[in-house]
Amino acid sequence: LGSFFAGWWLDRSRKYQGINRFFYATATLSMGLWVLAVEGGGHTLIYLIASAAGFTLTAIICAGFEHAVELTFPNDEGTTAGIMNISAQLFGSVMIWIGEEVLDKGGPFAVNTLMLGSMLLATFLVGVLVNNRNYKRDAAERSENGNLLQSAERAALSAKDANNI
């Protein structure tokens, strides 16, 4: 559901960077609430927060891929998606390995805090370091659509002129 909503919002607004930042911030907030809820919240609260975290974390995937494609255009979307998938798999594997070590030494709260720290770092990186609003793919699509419209208008006018002769 989160990916669907993110895709719908991206299609409507074309504000890739802002939407990506929004979902990172809300996912980090959800993770922070998760860390607190697991320590002392009831089952209902934990389920609600887990749902919010799932919604925002799945939306990050959609928003992140779209934002990356915008930033790397005219490179192939498949190449960009492949690079992002490889980096996510490597990072996930490293986080699991580190998480196991932290779990053995510090317990579940320490692992949840580690995950929250990684989300804070990712939010910082996306929020501060990725500061490029040069949306090349969107500009190319708009230009292409404008050129198609102009050529269609020219064809219609020349057909109208031909009928007037």
C-alpha atoms as a PDB file:
ATOM      1  CA  LEU A   1       0.000   0.000   0.000  1.00  0.00           C
ATOM      2  CA  GLY A   2       2.868   2.379   0.783  1.00  0.00           C
ATOM      3  CA  SER A   3       4.487   1.849  -2.631  1.00  0.00           C
ATOM      4  CA  PHE A   4       1.172   2.424  -4.376  1.00  0.00           C
ATOM      5  CA  PHE A   5       0.598   5.667  -2.483  1.00  0.00           C
ATOM      6  CA  ALA A   6       4.157   6.858  -3.140  1.00  0.00           C
ATOM      7  CA  GLY A   7       3.844   6.094  -6.852  1.00  0.00           C
ATOM      8  CA  TRP A   8       0.513   7.888  -7.068  1.00  0.00           C
ATOM      9  CA  TRP A   9       1.927  10.925  -5.247  1.00  0.00           C
ATOM     10  CA  LEU A  10       5.058  10.981  -7.427  1.00  0.00           C
ATOM     11  CA  ASP A  11       2.986  10.793 -10.620  1.00  0.00           C
ATOM     12  CA  ARG A  12       0.769  13.643  -9.482  1.00  0.00           C
ATOM     13  CA  SER A  13       3.404  16.040  -8.167  1.00  0.00           C
ATOM     14  CA  ARG A  14       6.758  15.076  -9.753  1.00  0.00           C
ATOM     15  CA  LYS A  15       8.455  16.272  -6.536  1.00  0.00           C
ATOM     16  CA  TYR A  16      10.831  13.340  -6.241  1.00  0.00           C
ATOM     17  CA  GLN A  17      13.283  14.788  -3.746  1.00  0.00           C
ATOM     18  CA  GLY A  18      10.661  16.203  -1.391  1.00  0.00           C
ATOM     19  CA  ILE A  19       8.591  13.028  -1.376  1.00  0.00           C
ATOM     20  CA  ASN A  20      11.694  10.902  -0.833  1.00  0.00           C
ATOM     21  CA  ARG A  21      12.704  13.087   2.100  1.00  0.00           C
ATOM     22  CA  PHE A  22       9.184  12.899   3.532  1.00  0.00           C
ATOM     23  CA  PHE A  23       9.122   9.113   3.488  1.00  0.00           C
ATOM     24  CA  TYR A  24      12.610   8.850   4.976  1.00  0.00           C
ATOM     25  CA  ALA A  25      11.642  11.206   7.797  1.00  0.00           C
ATOM     26  CA  THR A  26       8.380   9.401   8.534  1.00  0.00           C
ATOM     27  CA  ALA A  27      10.090   5.996   8.370  1.00  0.00           C
ATOM     28  CA  THR A  28      12.720   7.213  10.832  1.00  0.00           C
ATOM     29  CA  LEU A  29      10.003   8.526  13.117  1.00  0.00           C
ATOM     30  CA  SER A  30       8.193   5.175  12.864  1.00  0.00           C
ATOM     31  CA  MET A  31      11.404   3.321  13.718  1.00  0.00           C
ATOM     32  CA  GLY A  32      11.959   5.586  16.727  1.00  0.00           C
ATOM     33  CA  LEU A  33       8.441   4.898  17.945  1.00  0.00           C
ATOM     34  CA  TRP A  34       9.012   1.193  17.318  1.00  0.00           C
ATOM     35  CA  VAL A  35      12.098   1.169  19.547  1.00  0.00           C
ATOM     36  CA  LEU A  36      10.102   2.788  22.344  1.00  0.00           C
ATOM     37  CA  ALA A  37       6.954   0.689  21.843  1.00  0.00           C
ATOM     38  CA  VAL A  38       8.773  -2.643  21.885  1.00  0.00           C
ATOM     39  CA  GLU A  39      10.266  -1.755  25.250  1.00  0.00           C
ATOM     40  CA  GLY A  40       7.030  -0.815  26.956  1.00  0.00           C
ATOM     41  CA  GLY A  41       4.012  -0.610  24.657  1.00  0.00           C
ATOM     42  CA  GLY A  42       1.024  -2.875  24.401  1.00  0.00           C
ATOM     43  CA  HIS A  43       0.335  -5.217  21.515  1.00  0.00           C
ATOM     44  CA  THR A  44      -2.088  -2.859  19.790  1.00  0.00           C
ATOM     45  CA  LEU A  45       0.405   0.011  19.861  1.00  0.00           C
ATOM     46  CA  ILE A  46       3.156  -2.235  18.513  1.00  0.00           C
ATOM     47  CA  TYR A  47       0.930  -3.406  15.640  1.00  0.00           C
ATOM     48  CA  LEU A  48      -0.061   0.155  14.736  1.00  0.00           C
ATOM     49  CA  ILE A  49       3.528   1.365  14.753  1.00  0.00           C
ATOM     50  CA  ALA A  50       4.695  -1.681  12.794  1.00  0.00           C
ATOM     51  CA  SER A  51       2.002  -0.913  10.199  1.00  0.00           C
ATOM     52  CA  ALA A  52       3.130   2.710   9.930  1.00  0.00           C
ATOM     53  CA  ALA A  53       6.759   1.606   9.634  1.00  0.00           C
ATOM     54  CA  GLY A  54       5.870  -0.932   6.932  1.00  0.00           C
ATOM     55  CA  PHE A  55       3.838   1.636   5.013  1.00  0.00           C
ATOM     56  CA  THR A  56       6.650   4.191   4.986  1.00  0.00           C
ATOM     57  CA  LEU A  57       9.494   1.726   4.437  1.00  0.00           C
ATOM     58  CA  THR A  58       7.844   0.208   1.364  1.00  0.00           C
ATOM     59  CA  ALA A  59       7.143   3.716   0.060  1.00  0.00           C
ATOM     60  CA  ILE A  60      10.859   4.519   0.354  1.00  0.00           C
ATOM     61  CA  ILE A  61      11.609   1.813  -2.195  1.00  0.00           C
ATOM     62  CA  CYS A  62       9.291   3.303  -4.803  1.00  0.00           C
ATOM     63  CA  ALA A  63      10.245   6.919  -4.111  1.00  0.00           C
ATOM     64  CA  GLY A  64      13.948   6.105  -3.928  1.00  0.00           C
ATOM     65  CA  PHE A  65      14.008   4.242  -7.227  1.00  0.00           C
ATOM     66  CA  GLU A  66      12.091   7.000  -9.016  1.00  0.00           C
ATOM     67  CA  HIS A  67      14.350   9.680  -7.550  1.00  0.00           C
ATOM     68  CA  ALA A  68      17.472   7.738  -8.557  1.00  0.00           C
ATOM     69  CA  VAL A  69      16.191   7.292 -12.108  1.00  0.00           C
ATOM     70  CA  GLU A  70      15.540  11.029 -12.335  1.00  0.00           C
ATOM     71  CA  LEU A  71      19.053  11.843 -11.134  1.00  0.00           C
ATOM     72  CA  THR A  72      20.820   9.342 -13.421  1.00  0.00           C
ATOM     73  CA  PHE A  73      18.882   9.964 -16.652  1.00  0.00           C
ATOM     74  CA  PRO A  74      19.755   9.235 -19.521  1.00  0.00           C
ATOM     75  CA  ASN A  75      21.295   6.070 -18.041  1.00  0.00           C
ATOM     76  CA  ASP A  76      19.082   3.034 -18.381  1.00  0.00           C
ATOM     77  CA  GLU A  77      16.495   2.569 -15.610  1.00  0.00           C
ATOM     78  CA  GLY A  78      17.421  -1.096 -15.343  1.00  0.00           C
ATOM     79  CA  THR A  79      21.055  -0.246 -14.656  1.00  0.00           C
ATOM     80  CA  THR A  80      20.083   2.243 -11.977  1.00  0.00           C
ATOM     81  CA  ALA A  81      17.662  -0.225 -10.370  1.00  0.00           C
ATOM     82  CA  GLY A  82      20.278  -2.973 -10.511  1.00  0.00           C
ATOM     83  CA  ILE A  83      22.883  -0.838  -8.780  1.00  0.00           C
ATOM     84  CA  MET A  84      20.376   0.143  -6.102  1.00  0.00           C
ATOM     85  CA  ASN A  85      19.346  -3.485  -5.559  1.00  0.00           C
ATOM     86  CA  ILE A  86      22.954  -4.640  -5.255  1.00  0.00           C
ATOM     87  CA  SER A  87      23.780  -1.914  -2.760  1.00  0.00           C
ATOM     88  CA  ALA A  88      20.622  -2.676  -0.741  1.00  0.00           C
ATOM     89  CA  GLN A  89      21.465  -6.383  -0.641  1.00  0.00           C
ATOM     90  CA  LEU A  90      25.050  -5.722   0.432  1.00  0.00           C
ATOM     91  CA  PHE A  91      23.984  -3.221   3.080  1.00  0.00           C
ATOM     92  CA  GLY A  92      21.264  -5.575   4.307  1.00  0.00           C
ATOM     93  CA  SER A  93      23.716  -8.462   4.594  1.00  0.00           C
ATOM     94  CA  VAL A  94      26.196  -6.324   6.528  1.00  0.00           C
ATOM     95  CA  MET A  95      23.441  -5.042   8.814  1.00  0.00           C
ATOM     96  CA  ILE A  96      22.285  -8.590   9.556  1.00  0.00           C
ATOM     97  CA  TRP A  97      25.827  -9.645  10.391  1.00  0.00           C
ATOM     98  CA  ILE A  98      26.364  -6.609  12.627  1.00  0.00           C
ATOM     99  CA  GLY A  99      22.875  -7.009  14.134  1.00  0.00           C
ATOM    100  CA  GLU A 100      23.625 -10.597  15.155  1.00  0.00           C
ATOM    101  CA  GLU A 101      26.777  -9.476  16.938  1.00  0.00           C
ATOM    102  CA  VAL A 102      24.969  -6.608  18.656  1.00  0.00           C
ATOM    103  CA  LEU A 103      22.088  -8.921  19.646  1.00  0.00           C
ATOM    104  CA  ASP A 104      24.495 -11.361  21.296  1.00  0.00           C
ATOM    105  CA  LYS A 105      26.207  -8.603  23.262  1.00  0.00           C
ATOM    106  CA  GLY A 106      23.462  -6.037  23.904  1.00  0.00           C
ATOM    107  CA  GLY A 107      20.045  -7.576  23.351  1.00  0.00           C
ATOM    108  CA  PRO A 108      17.019  -6.552  21.268  1.00  0.00           C
ATOM    109  CA  PHE A 109      16.977  -2.917  22.386  1.00  0.00           C
ATOM    110  CA  ALA A 110      20.546  -2.458  21.143  1.00  0.00           C
ATOM    111  CA  VAL A 111      19.677  -3.973  17.740  1.00  0.00           C
ATOM    112  CA  ASN A 112      16.582  -1.796  17.389  1.00  0.00           C
ATOM    113  CA  THR A 113      18.678   1.240  18.296  1.00  0.00           C
ATOM    114  CA  LEU A 114      21.244   0.212  15.664  1.00  0.00           C
ATOM    115  CA  MET A 115      18.498   0.045  13.044  1.00  0.00           C
ATOM    116  CA  LEU A 116      17.193   3.421  14.152  1.00  0.00           C
ATOM    117  CA  GLY A 117      20.713   4.832  13.860  1.00  0.00           C
ATOM    118  CA  SER A 118      21.005   3.496  10.318  1.00  0.00           C
ATOM    119  CA  MET A 119      17.680   5.134   9.435  1.00  0.00           C
ATOM    120  CA  LEU A 120      18.867   8.428  10.936  1.00  0.00           C
ATOM    121  CA  LEU A 121      22.045   8.213   8.853  1.00  0.00           C
ATOM    122  CA  ALA A 122      20.068   7.430   5.692  1.00  0.00           C
ATOM    123  CA  THR A 123      17.661  10.296   6.377  1.00  0.00           C
ATOM    124  CA  PHE A 124      20.613  12.647   6.833  1.00  0.00           C
ATOM    125  CA  LEU A 125      22.257  11.454   3.611  1.00  0.00           C
ATOM    126  CA  VAL A 126      19.071  11.794   1.576  1.00  0.00           C
ATOM    127  CA  GLY A 127      18.072  15.058   3.233  1.00  0.00           C
ATOM    128  CA  VAL A 128      21.369  16.896   3.112  1.00  0.00           C
ATOM    129  CA  LEU A 129      23.712  15.298   0.627  1.00  0.00           C
ATOM    130  CA  VAL A 130      21.267  14.432  -2.156  1.00  0.00           C
ATOM    131  CA  ASN A 131      20.388  17.970  -3.091  1.00  0.00           C
ATOM    132  CA  ASN A 132      19.898  17.901  -6.831  1.00  0.00           C
ATOM    133  CA  ARG A 133      16.688  19.037  -8.439  1.00  0.00           C
ATOM    134  CA  ASN A 134      17.919  18.551 -11.973  1.00  0.00           C
ATOM    135  CA  TYR A 135      15.219  16.151 -13.080  1.00  0.00           C
ATOM    136  CA  LYS A 136      16.491  15.212 -16.517  1.00  0.00           C
ATOM    137  CA  ARG A 137      14.005  12.450 -17.306  1.00  0.00           C
ATOM    138  CA  ASP A 138      11.018  14.582 -16.372  1.00  0.00           C
ATOM    139  CA  ALA A 139      12.364  17.471 -18.481  1.00  0.00           C
ATOM    140  CA  ALA A 140      12.957  15.135 -21.425  1.00  0.00           C
ATOM    141  CA  GLU A 141       9.440  13.727 -21.177  1.00  0.00           C
ATOM    142  CA  ARG A 142       7.926  17.192 -21.014  1.00  0.00           C
ATOM    143  CA  SER A 143      10.042  18.346 -23.950  1.00  0.00           C
ATOM    144  CA  GLU A 144       9.140  15.251 -25.947  1.00  0.00           C
ATOM    145  CA  ASN A 145       5.439  15.696 -25.202  1.00  0.00           C
ATOM    146  CA  GLY A 146       5.689  19.367 -26.141  1.00  0.00           C
ATOM    147  CA  ASN A 147       7.451  18.493 -29.389  1.00  0.00           C
ATOM    148  CA  LEU A 148       4.827  15.888 -30.187  1.00  0.00           C
ATOM    149  CA  LEU A 149       2.099  18.409 -29.515  1.00  0.00           C
ATOM    150  CA  GLN A 150       3.799  21.044 -31.662  1.00  0.00           C
ATOM    151  CA  SER A 151       4.292  18.611 -34.550  1.00  0.00           C
ATOM    152  CA  ALA A 152       0.645  17.502 -34.278  1.00  0.00           C
ATOM    153  CA  GLU A 153      -0.461  21.152 -34.317  1.00  0.00           C
ATOM    154  CA  ARG A 154       1.739  21.834 -37.370  1.00  0.00           C
ATOM    155  CA  ALA A 155       0.263  18.817 -39.166  1.00  0.00           C
ATOM    156  CA  ALA A 156      -3.268  19.959 -38.367  1.00  0.00           C
ATOM    157  CA  LEU A 157      -2.535  23.492 -39.600  1.00  0.00           C
ATOM    158  CA  SER A 158      -0.927  22.286 -42.819  1.00  0.00           C
ATOM    159  CA  ALA A 159      -3.909  19.967 -43.426  1.00  0.00           C
ATOM    160  CA  LYS A 160      -6.237  22.916 -42.840  1.00  0.00           C
ATOM    161  CA  ASP A 161      -4.177  25.067 -45.247  1.00  0.00           C
ATOM    162  CA  ALA A 162      -4.247  22.283 -47.848  1.00  0.00           C
ATOM    163  CA  ASN A 163      -8.048  22.167 -47.618  1.00  0.00           C
ATOM    164  CA  ASN A 164      -8.277  25.933 -48.102  1.00  0.00           C
ATOM    165  CA  ILE A 165      -6.391  25.870 -51.397  1.00  0.00           C
END
